Amino acid sequence: LVQPGGSLRLSCAASGSSFRFYVMGWYRQAP
């Protein structure tokens, strides 16, 4: 939870040895 104007940093940790080859993306879904 953050106030308007604030900041957050999301992280996504991956398993596996081929991470560097993947195209990575962030998606979102609002209600």
PDB file of all heavy atoms in Angstrom:
ATOM      1  N   LEU A   1       0.855  -1.189   0.000  1.00  0.00           N
ATOM      2  CA  LEU A   1       0.000   0.000   0.000  1.00  0.00           C
ATOM      3  C   LEU A   1       0.890   1.238   0.000  1.00  0.00           C
ATOM      4  O   LEU A   1       1.804   1.343   0.818  1.00  0.00           O
ATOM      5  CB  LEU A   1      -0.902  -0.011   1.226  1.00  0.00           C
ATOM      6  CG  LEU A   1      -1.753   1.243   1.479  1.00  0.00           C
ATOM      7  CD1 LEU A   1      -2.756   1.432   0.347  1.00  0.00           C
ATOM      8  CD2 LEU A   1      -2.461   1.120   2.822  1.00  0.00           C
ATOM      9  N   VAL A   2       0.605   2.157  -0.899  1.00  0.00           N
ATOM     10  CA  VAL A   2       1.397   3.377  -1.003  1.00  0.00           C
ATOM     11  C   VAL A   2       0.474   4.536  -1.331  1.00  0.00           C
ATOM     12  O   VAL A   2      -0.565   4.352  -1.983  1.00  0.00           O
ATOM     13  CB  VAL A   2       2.504   3.221  -2.077  1.00  0.00           C
ATOM     14  CG1 VAL A   2       1.909   3.024  -3.457  1.00  0.00           C
ATOM     15  CG2 VAL A   2       3.479   4.379  -2.047  1.00  0.00           C
ATOM     16  N   GLN A   3       0.830   5.716  -0.864  1.00  0.00           N
ATOM     17  CA  GLN A   3       0.034   6.903  -1.160  1.00  0.00           C
ATOM     18  C   GLN A   3       0.301   7.391  -2.583  1.00  0.00           C
ATOM     19  O   GLN A   3       1.374   7.136  -3.141  1.00  0.00           O
ATOM     20  CB  GLN A   3       0.368   8.014  -0.171  1.00  0.00           C
ATOM     21  CG  GLN A   3      -0.092   7.731   1.254  1.00  0.00           C
ATOM     22  CD  GLN A   3       0.168   8.907   2.175  1.00  0.00           C
ATOM     23  OE1 GLN A   3       1.009   9.757   1.927  1.00  0.00           O
ATOM     24  NE2 GLN A   3      -0.582   8.960   3.280  1.00  0.00           N
ATOM     25  N   PRO A   4      -0.655   8.096  -3.160  1.00  0.00           N
ATOM     26  CA  PRO A   4      -0.411   8.691  -4.489  1.00  0.00           C
ATOM     27  C   PRO A   4       0.852   9.546  -4.477  1.00  0.00           C
ATOM     28  O   PRO A   4       1.106  10.292  -3.519  1.00  0.00           O
ATOM     29  CB  PRO A   4      -1.659   9.544  -4.709  1.00  0.00           C
ATOM     30  CG  PRO A   4      -2.717   8.857  -3.914  1.00  0.00           C
ATOM     31  CD  PRO A   4      -2.019   8.338  -2.687  1.00  0.00           C
ATOM     32  N   GLY A   5       1.632   9.404  -5.546  1.00  0.00           N
ATOM     33  CA  GLY A   5       2.910  10.100  -5.632  1.00  0.00           C
ATOM     34  C   GLY A   5       4.074   9.319  -5.079  1.00  0.00           C
ATOM     35  O   GLY A   5       5.233   9.708  -5.267  1.00  0.00           O
ATOM     36  N   GLY A   6       3.782   8.220  -4.405  1.00  0.00           N
ATOM     37  CA  GLY A   6       4.832   7.409  -3.811  1.00  0.00           C
ATOM     38  C   GLY A   6       5.481   6.460  -4.796  1.00  0.00           C
ATOM     39  O   GLY A   6       5.165   6.462  -5.992  1.00  0.00           O
ATOM     40  N   SER A   7       6.393   5.637  -4.260  1.00  0.00           N
ATOM     41  CA  SER A   7       7.162   4.703  -5.086  1.00  0.00           C
ATOM     42  C   SER A   7       7.154   3.306  -4.487  1.00  0.00           C
ATOM     43  O   SER A   7       7.041   3.145  -3.269  1.00  0.00           O
ATOM     44  CB  SER A   7       8.618   5.170  -5.206  1.00  0.00           C
ATOM     45  OG  SER A   7       8.714   6.430  -5.843  1.00  0.00           O
ATOM     46  N   LEU A   8       7.283   2.338  -5.359  1.00  0.00           N
ATOM     47  CA  LEU A   8       7.474   0.946  -4.971  1.00  0.00           C
ATOM     48  C   LEU A   8       8.417   0.312  -5.980  1.00  0.00           C
ATOM     49  O   LEU A   8       8.447   0.709  -7.141  1.00  0.00           O
ATOM     50  CB  LEU A   8       6.160   0.162  -4.966  1.00  0.00           C
ATOM     51  CG  LEU A   8       5.186   0.340  -3.807  1.00  0.00           C
ATOM     52  CD1 LEU A   8       3.902  -0.440  -4.100  1.00  0.00           C
ATOM     53  CD2 LEU A   8       5.800  -0.127  -2.498  1.00  0.00           C
ATOM     54  N   ARG A   9       9.144  -0.713  -5.533  1.00  0.00           N
ATOM     55  CA  ARG A   9       9.948  -1.510  -6.452  1.00  0.00           C
ATOM     56  C   ARG A   9       9.526  -2.965  -6.336  1.00  0.00           C
ATOM     57  O   ARG A   9       9.639  -3.565  -5.257  1.00  0.00           O
ATOM     58  CB  ARG A   9      11.442  -1.380  -6.175  1.00  0.00           C
ATOM     59  CG  ARG A   9      12.277  -2.050  -7.279  1.00  0.00           C
ATOM     60  CD  ARG A   9      13.758  -1.858  -7.120  1.00  0.00           C
ATOM     61  NE  ARG A   9      14.362  -2.793  -6.187  1.00  0.00           N
ATOM     62  CZ  ARG A   9      15.619  -3.186  -6.216  1.00  0.00           C
ATOM     63  NH1 ARG A   9      16.440  -2.722  -7.149  1.00  0.00           N
ATOM     64  NH2 ARG A   9      16.098  -4.016  -5.296  1.00  0.00           N
ATOM     65  N   LEU A  10       9.050  -3.502  -7.436  1.00  0.00           N
ATOM     66  CA  LEU A  10       8.689  -4.906  -7.495  1.00  0.00           C
ATOM     67  C   LEU A  10       9.892  -5.719  -7.961  1.00  0.00           C
ATOM     68  O   LEU A  10      10.675  -5.267  -8.794  1.00  0.00           O
ATOM     69  CB  LEU A  10       7.525  -5.125  -8.465  1.00  0.00           C
ATOM     70  CG  LEU A  10       6.260  -4.311  -8.217  1.00  0.00           C
ATOM     71  CD1 LEU A  10       5.181  -4.720  -9.219  1.00  0.00           C
ATOM     72  CD2 LEU A  10       5.764  -4.475  -6.795  1.00  0.00           C
ATOM     73  N   SER A  11       9.994  -6.916  -7.426  1.00  0.00           N
ATOM     74  CA  SER A  11      11.040  -7.848  -7.826  1.00  0.00           C
ATOM     75  C   SER A  11      10.408  -9.162  -8.258  1.00  0.00           C
ATOM     76  O   SER A  11       9.368  -9.557  -7.741  1.00  0.00           O
ATOM     77  CB  SER A  11      12.010  -8.114  -6.672  1.00  0.00           C
ATOM     78  OG  SER A  11      12.651  -6.939  -6.246  1.00  0.00           O
ATOM     79  N   CYS A  12      11.065  -9.816  -9.192  1.00  0.00           N
ATOM     80  CA  CYS A  12      10.611 -11.128  -9.662  1.00  0.00           C
ATOM     81  C   CYS A  12      11.840 -12.017  -9.767  1.00  0.00           C
ATOM     82  O   CYS A  12      12.703 -11.796 -10.624  1.00  0.00           O
ATOM     83  CB  CYS A  12       9.919 -11.002 -11.003  1.00  0.00           C
ATOM     84  SG  CYS A  12       9.508 -12.583 -11.778  1.00  0.00           S
ATOM     85  N   ALA A  13      11.911 -12.991  -8.870  1.00  0.00           N
ATOM     86  CA  ALA A  13      13.040 -13.917  -8.848  1.00  0.00           C
ATOM     87  C   ALA A  13      12.693 -15.162  -9.648  1.00  0.00           C
ATOM     88  O   ALA A  13      11.611 -15.732  -9.488  1.00  0.00           O
ATOM     89  CB  ALA A  13      13.376 -14.282  -7.411  1.00  0.00           C
ATOM     90  N   ALA A  14      13.624 -15.560 -10.514  1.00  0.00           N
ATOM     91  CA  ALA A  14      13.390 -16.697 -11.400  1.00  0.00           C
ATOM     92  C   ALA A  14      14.318 -17.852 -11.074  1.00  0.00           C
ATOM     93  O   ALA A  14      15.473 -17.651 -10.683  1.00  0.00           O
ATOM     94  CB  ALA A  14      13.590 -16.272 -12.850  1.00  0.00           C
ATOM     95  N   SER A  15      13.801 -19.052 -11.246  1.00  0.00           N
ATOM     96  CA  SER A  15      14.631 -20.244 -11.132  1.00  0.00           C
ATOM     97  C   SER A  15      15.127 -20.626 -12.517  1.00  0.00           C
ATOM     98  O   SER A  15      14.675 -20.078 -13.517  1.00  0.00           O
ATOM     99  CB  SER A  15      13.819 -21.393 -10.540  1.00  0.00           C
ATOM    100  OG  SER A  15      12.774 -21.738 -11.430  1.00  0.00           O
ATOM    101  N   GLY A  16      16.047 -21.571 -12.593  1.00  0.00           N
ATOM    102  CA  GLY A  16      16.499 -22.043 -13.893  1.00  0.00           C
ATOM    103  C   GLY A  16      17.741 -21.336 -14.373  1.00  0.00           C
ATOM    104  O   GLY A  16      18.042 -20.211 -13.953  1.00  0.00           O
ATOM    105  N   SER A  17      18.451 -21.990 -15.282  1.00  0.00           N
ATOM    106  CA  SER A  17      19.753 -21.493 -15.722  1.00  0.00           C
ATOM    107  C   SER A  17      19.707 -20.679 -17.004  1.00  0.00           C
ATOM    108  O   SER A  17      20.724 -20.140 -17.421  1.00  0.00           O
ATOM    109  CB  SER A  17      20.708 -22.672 -15.928  1.00  0.00           C
ATOM    110  OG  SER A  17      20.162 -23.571 -16.897  1.00  0.00           O
ATOM    111  N   SER A  18      18.532 -20.560 -17.618  1.00  0.00           N
ATOM    112  CA  SER A  18      18.445 -19.876 -18.910  1.00  0.00           C
ATOM    113  C   SER A  18      17.789 -18.513 -18.809  1.00  0.00           C
ATOM    114  O   SER A  18      17.334 -17.970 -19.810  1.00  0.00           O
ATOM    115  CB  SER A  18      17.656 -20.743 -19.906  1.00  0.00           C
ATOM    116  OG  SER A  18      18.284 -21.997 -20.086  1.00  0.00           O
ATOM    117  N   PHE A  19      17.782 -17.952 -17.605  1.00  0.00           N
ATOM    118  CA  PHE A  19      17.062 -16.694 -17.381  1.00  0.00           C
ATOM    119  C   PHE A  19      17.476 -15.623 -18.373  1.00  0.00           C
ATOM    120  O   PHE A  19      16.640 -14.874 -18.864  1.00  0.00           O
ATOM    121  CB  PHE A  19      17.308 -16.221 -15.954  1.00  0.00           C
ATOM    122  CG  PHE A  19      16.745 -14.855 -15.658  1.00  0.00           C
ATOM    123  CD1 PHE A  19      15.394 -14.702 -15.375  1.00  0.00           C
ATOM    124  CD2 PHE A  19      17.557 -13.730 -15.664  1.00  0.00           C
ATOM    125  CE1 PHE A  19      14.859 -13.457 -15.105  1.00  0.00           C
ATOM    126  CE2 PHE A  19      17.032 -12.474 -15.400  1.00  0.00           C
ATOM    127  CZ  PHE A  19      15.676 -12.336 -15.119  1.00  0.00           C
ATOM    128  N   ARG A  20      18.762 -15.544 -18.667  1.00  0.00           N
ATOM    129  CA  ARG A  20      19.249 -14.427 -19.475  1.00  0.00           C
ATOM    130  C   ARG A  20      18.683 -14.431 -20.892  1.00  0.00           C
ATOM    131  O   ARG A  20      18.744 -13.425 -21.590  1.00  0.00           O
ATOM    132  CB  ARG A  20      20.768 -14.425 -19.534  1.00  0.00           C
ATOM    133  CG  ARG A  20      21.378 -15.624 -20.242  1.00  0.00           C
ATOM    134  CD  ARG A  20      22.889 -15.641 -20.053  1.00  0.00           C
ATOM    135  NE  ARG A  20      23.551 -16.725 -20.763  1.00  0.00           N
ATOM    136  CZ  ARG A  20      23.649 -17.959 -20.306  1.00  0.00           C
ATOM    137  NH1 ARG A  20      23.116 -18.267 -19.147  1.00  0.00           N
ATOM    138  NH2 ARG A  20      24.277 -18.884 -21.010  1.00  0.00           N
ATOM    139  N   PHE A  21      18.146 -15.560 -21.338  1.00  0.00           N
ATOM    140  CA  PHE A  21      17.612 -15.643 -22.694  1.00  0.00           C
ATOM    141  C   PHE A  21      16.135 -15.233 -22.778  1.00  0.00           C
ATOM    142  O   PHE A  21      15.615 -14.999 -23.860  1.00  0.00           O
ATOM    143  CB  PHE A  21      17.756 -17.065 -23.232  1.00  0.00           C
ATOM    144  CG  PHE A  21      19.177 -17.524 -23.335  1.00  0.00           C
ATOM    145  CD1 PHE A  21      19.636 -18.578 -22.567  1.00  0.00           C
ATOM    146  CD2 PHE A  21      20.065 -16.900 -24.194  1.00  0.00           C
ATOM    147  CE1 PHE A  21      20.952 -19.011 -22.654  1.00  0.00           C
ATOM    148  CE2 PHE A  21      21.381 -17.323 -24.285  1.00  0.00           C
ATOM    149  CZ  PHE A  21      21.828 -18.383 -23.514  1.00  0.00           C
ATOM    150  N   TYR A  22      15.476 -15.168 -21.636  1.00  0.00           N
ATOM    151  CA  TYR A  22      14.044 -14.914 -21.615  1.00  0.00           C
ATOM    152  C   TYR A  22      13.726 -13.437 -21.856  1.00  0.00           C
ATOM    153  O   TYR A  22      14.448 -12.547 -21.405  1.00  0.00           O
ATOM    154  CB  TYR A  22      13.423 -15.334 -20.286  1.00  0.00           C
ATOM    155  CG  TYR A  22      13.255 -16.812 -20.135  1.00  0.00           C
ATOM    156  CD1 TYR A  22      14.302 -17.618 -19.699  1.00  0.00           C
ATOM    157  CD2 TYR A  22      12.042 -17.416 -20.416  1.00  0.00           C
ATOM    158  CE1 TYR A  22      14.149 -18.977 -19.555  1.00  0.00           C
ATOM    159  CE2 TYR A  22      11.872 -18.785 -20.272  1.00  0.00           C
ATOM    160  CZ  TYR A  22      12.935 -19.565 -19.843  1.00  0.00           C
ATOM    161  OH  TYR A  22      12.772 -20.905 -19.716  1.00  0.00           O
ATOM    162  N   VAL A  23      12.612 -13.199 -22.554  1.00  0.00           N
ATOM    163  CA  VAL A  23      11.996 -11.880 -22.551  1.00  0.00           C
ATOM    164  C   VAL A  23      11.137 -11.818 -21.288  1.00  0.00           C
ATOM    165  O   VAL A  23      10.257 -12.664 -21.089  1.00  0.00           O
ATOM    166  CB  VAL A  23      11.121 -11.647 -23.788  1.00  0.00           C
ATOM    167  CG1 VAL A  23      10.410 -10.300 -23.682  1.00  0.00           C
ATOM    168  CG2 VAL A  23      11.954 -11.727 -25.054  1.00  0.00           C
ATOM    169  N   MET A  24      11.418 -10.846 -20.458  1.00  0.00           N
ATOM    170  CA  MET A  24      10.697 -10.712 -19.187  1.00  0.00           C
ATOM    171  C   MET A  24       9.711  -9.564 -19.265  1.00  0.00           C
ATOM    172  O   MET A  24       9.986  -8.526 -19.890  1.00  0.00           O
ATOM    173  CB  MET A  24      11.682 -10.468 -18.044  1.00  0.00           C
ATOM    174  CG  MET A  24      12.713 -11.574 -17.869  1.00  0.00           C
ATOM    175  SD  MET A  24      11.978 -13.178 -17.514  1.00  0.00           S
ATOM    176  CE  MET A  24      11.150 -12.849 -15.957  1.00  0.00           C
ATOM    177  N   GLY A  25       8.578  -9.744 -18.618  1.00  0.00           N
ATOM    178  CA  GLY A  25       7.563  -8.710 -18.651  1.00  0.00           C
ATOM    179  C   GLY A  25       6.830  -8.577 -17.339  1.00  0.00           C
ATOM    180  O   GLY A  25       6.805  -9.514 -16.535  1.00  0.00           O
ATOM    181  N   TRP A  26       6.277  -7.414 -17.135  1.00  0.00           N
ATOM    182  CA  TRP A  26       5.357  -7.158 -16.022  1.00  0.00           C
ATOM    183  C   TRP A  26       3.980  -6.847 -16.613  1.00  0.00           C
ATOM    184  O   TRP A  26       3.872  -6.015 -17.519  1.00  0.00           O
ATOM    185  CB  TRP A  26       5.823  -5.990 -15.168  1.00  0.00           C
ATOM    186  CG  TRP A  26       6.985  -6.301 -14.281  1.00  0.00           C
ATOM    187  CD1 TRP A  26       8.299  -6.039 -14.525  1.00  0.00           C
ATOM    188  CD2 TRP A  26       6.927  -6.949 -13.006  1.00  0.00           C
ATOM    189  NE1 TRP A  26       9.077  -6.488 -13.480  1.00  0.00           N
ATOM    190  CE2 TRP A  26       8.251  -7.039 -12.532  1.00  0.00           C
ATOM    191  CE3 TRP A  26       5.906  -7.448 -12.216  1.00  0.00           C
ATOM    192  CZ2 TRP A  26       8.575  -7.618 -11.297  1.00  0.00           C
ATOM    193  CZ3 TRP A  26       6.227  -8.019 -10.992  1.00  0.00           C
ATOM    194  CH2 TRP A  26       7.541  -8.104 -10.546  1.00  0.00           C
ATOM    195  N   TYR A  27       2.976  -7.529 -16.079  1.00  0.00           N
ATOM    196  CA  TYR A  27       1.590  -7.304 -16.447  1.00  0.00           C
ATOM    197  C   TYR A  27       0.847  -6.873 -15.183  1.00  0.00           C
ATOM    198  O   TYR A  27       1.321  -7.066 -14.065  1.00  0.00           O
ATOM    199  CB  TYR A  27       0.952  -8.592 -16.981  1.00  0.00           C
ATOM    200  CG  TYR A  27       1.429  -9.030 -18.341  1.00  0.00           C
ATOM    201  CD1 TYR A  27       2.721  -9.519 -18.533  1.00  0.00           C
ATOM    202  CD2 TYR A  27       0.578  -9.002 -19.443  1.00  0.00           C
ATOM    203  CE1 TYR A  27       3.158  -9.943 -19.781  1.00  0.00           C
ATOM    204  CE2 TYR A  27       0.994  -9.428 -20.694  1.00  0.00           C
ATOM    205  CZ  TYR A  27       2.285  -9.896 -20.849  1.00  0.00           C
ATOM    206  OH  TYR A  27       2.699 -10.322 -22.090  1.00  0.00           O
ATOM    207  N   ARG A  28      -0.348  -6.326 -15.367  1.00  0.00           N
ATOM    208  CA  ARG A  28      -1.183  -6.011 -14.214  1.00  0.00           C
ATOM    209  C   ARG A  28      -2.650  -6.247 -14.557  1.00  0.00           C
ATOM    210  O   ARG A  28      -3.051  -6.175 -15.712  1.00  0.00           O
ATOM    211  CB  ARG A  28      -0.965  -4.574 -13.754  1.00  0.00           C
ATOM    212  CG  ARG A  28      -1.427  -3.498 -14.740  1.00  0.00           C
ATOM    213  CD  ARG A  28      -1.023  -2.126 -14.235  1.00  0.00           C
ATOM    214  NE  ARG A  28      -1.444  -1.061 -15.140  1.00  0.00           N
ATOM    215  CZ  ARG A  28      -1.095   0.210 -15.013  1.00  0.00           C
ATOM    216  NH1 ARG A  28      -0.306   0.582 -13.993  1.00  0.00           N
ATOM    217  NH2 ARG A  28      -1.529   1.114 -15.873  1.00  0.00           N
ATOM    218  N   GLN A  29      -3.394  -6.526 -13.516  1.00  0.00           N
ATOM    219  CA  GLN A  29      -4.827  -6.744 -13.675  1.00  0.00           C
ATOM    220  C   GLN A  29      -5.556  -6.048 -12.546  1.00  0.00           C
ATOM    221  O   GLN A  29      -5.384  -6.422 -11.372  1.00  0.00           O
ATOM    222  CB  GLN A  29      -5.169  -8.230 -13.710  1.00  0.00           C
ATOM    223  CG  GLN A  29      -6.614  -8.506 -14.053  1.00  0.00           C
ATOM    224  CD  GLN A  29      -6.854  -9.958 -14.401  1.00  0.00           C
ATOM    225  OE1 GLN A  29      -6.059 -10.837 -14.087  1.00  0.00           O
ATOM    226  NE2 GLN A  29      -7.960 -10.225 -15.060  1.00  0.00           N
ATOM    227  N   ALA A  30      -6.344  -5.056 -12.903  1.00  0.00           N
ATOM    228  CA  ALA A  30      -7.162  -4.342 -11.936  1.00  0.00           C
ATOM    229  C   ALA A  30      -8.508  -5.046 -11.815  1.00  0.00           C
ATOM    230  O   ALA A  30      -8.935  -5.754 -12.738  1.00  0.00           O
ATOM    231  CB  ALA A  30      -7.350  -2.897 -12.377  1.00  0.00           C
ATOM    232  N   PRO A  31      -9.210  -4.854 -10.700  1.00  0.00           N
ATOM    233  CA  PRO A  31     -10.516  -5.500 -10.519  1.00  0.00           C
ATOM    234  C   PRO A  31     -11.471  -5.169 -11.663  1.00  0.00           C
ATOM    235  O   PRO A  31     -11.632  -4.000 -12.037  1.00  0.00           O
ATOM    236  CB  PRO A  31     -11.013  -4.911  -9.195  1.00  0.00           C
ATOM    237  CG  PRO A  31      -9.773  -4.545  -8.467  1.00  0.00           C
ATOM    238  CD  PRO A  31      -8.813  -4.088  -9.512  1.00  0.00           C
TER     239      PRO A  31
END
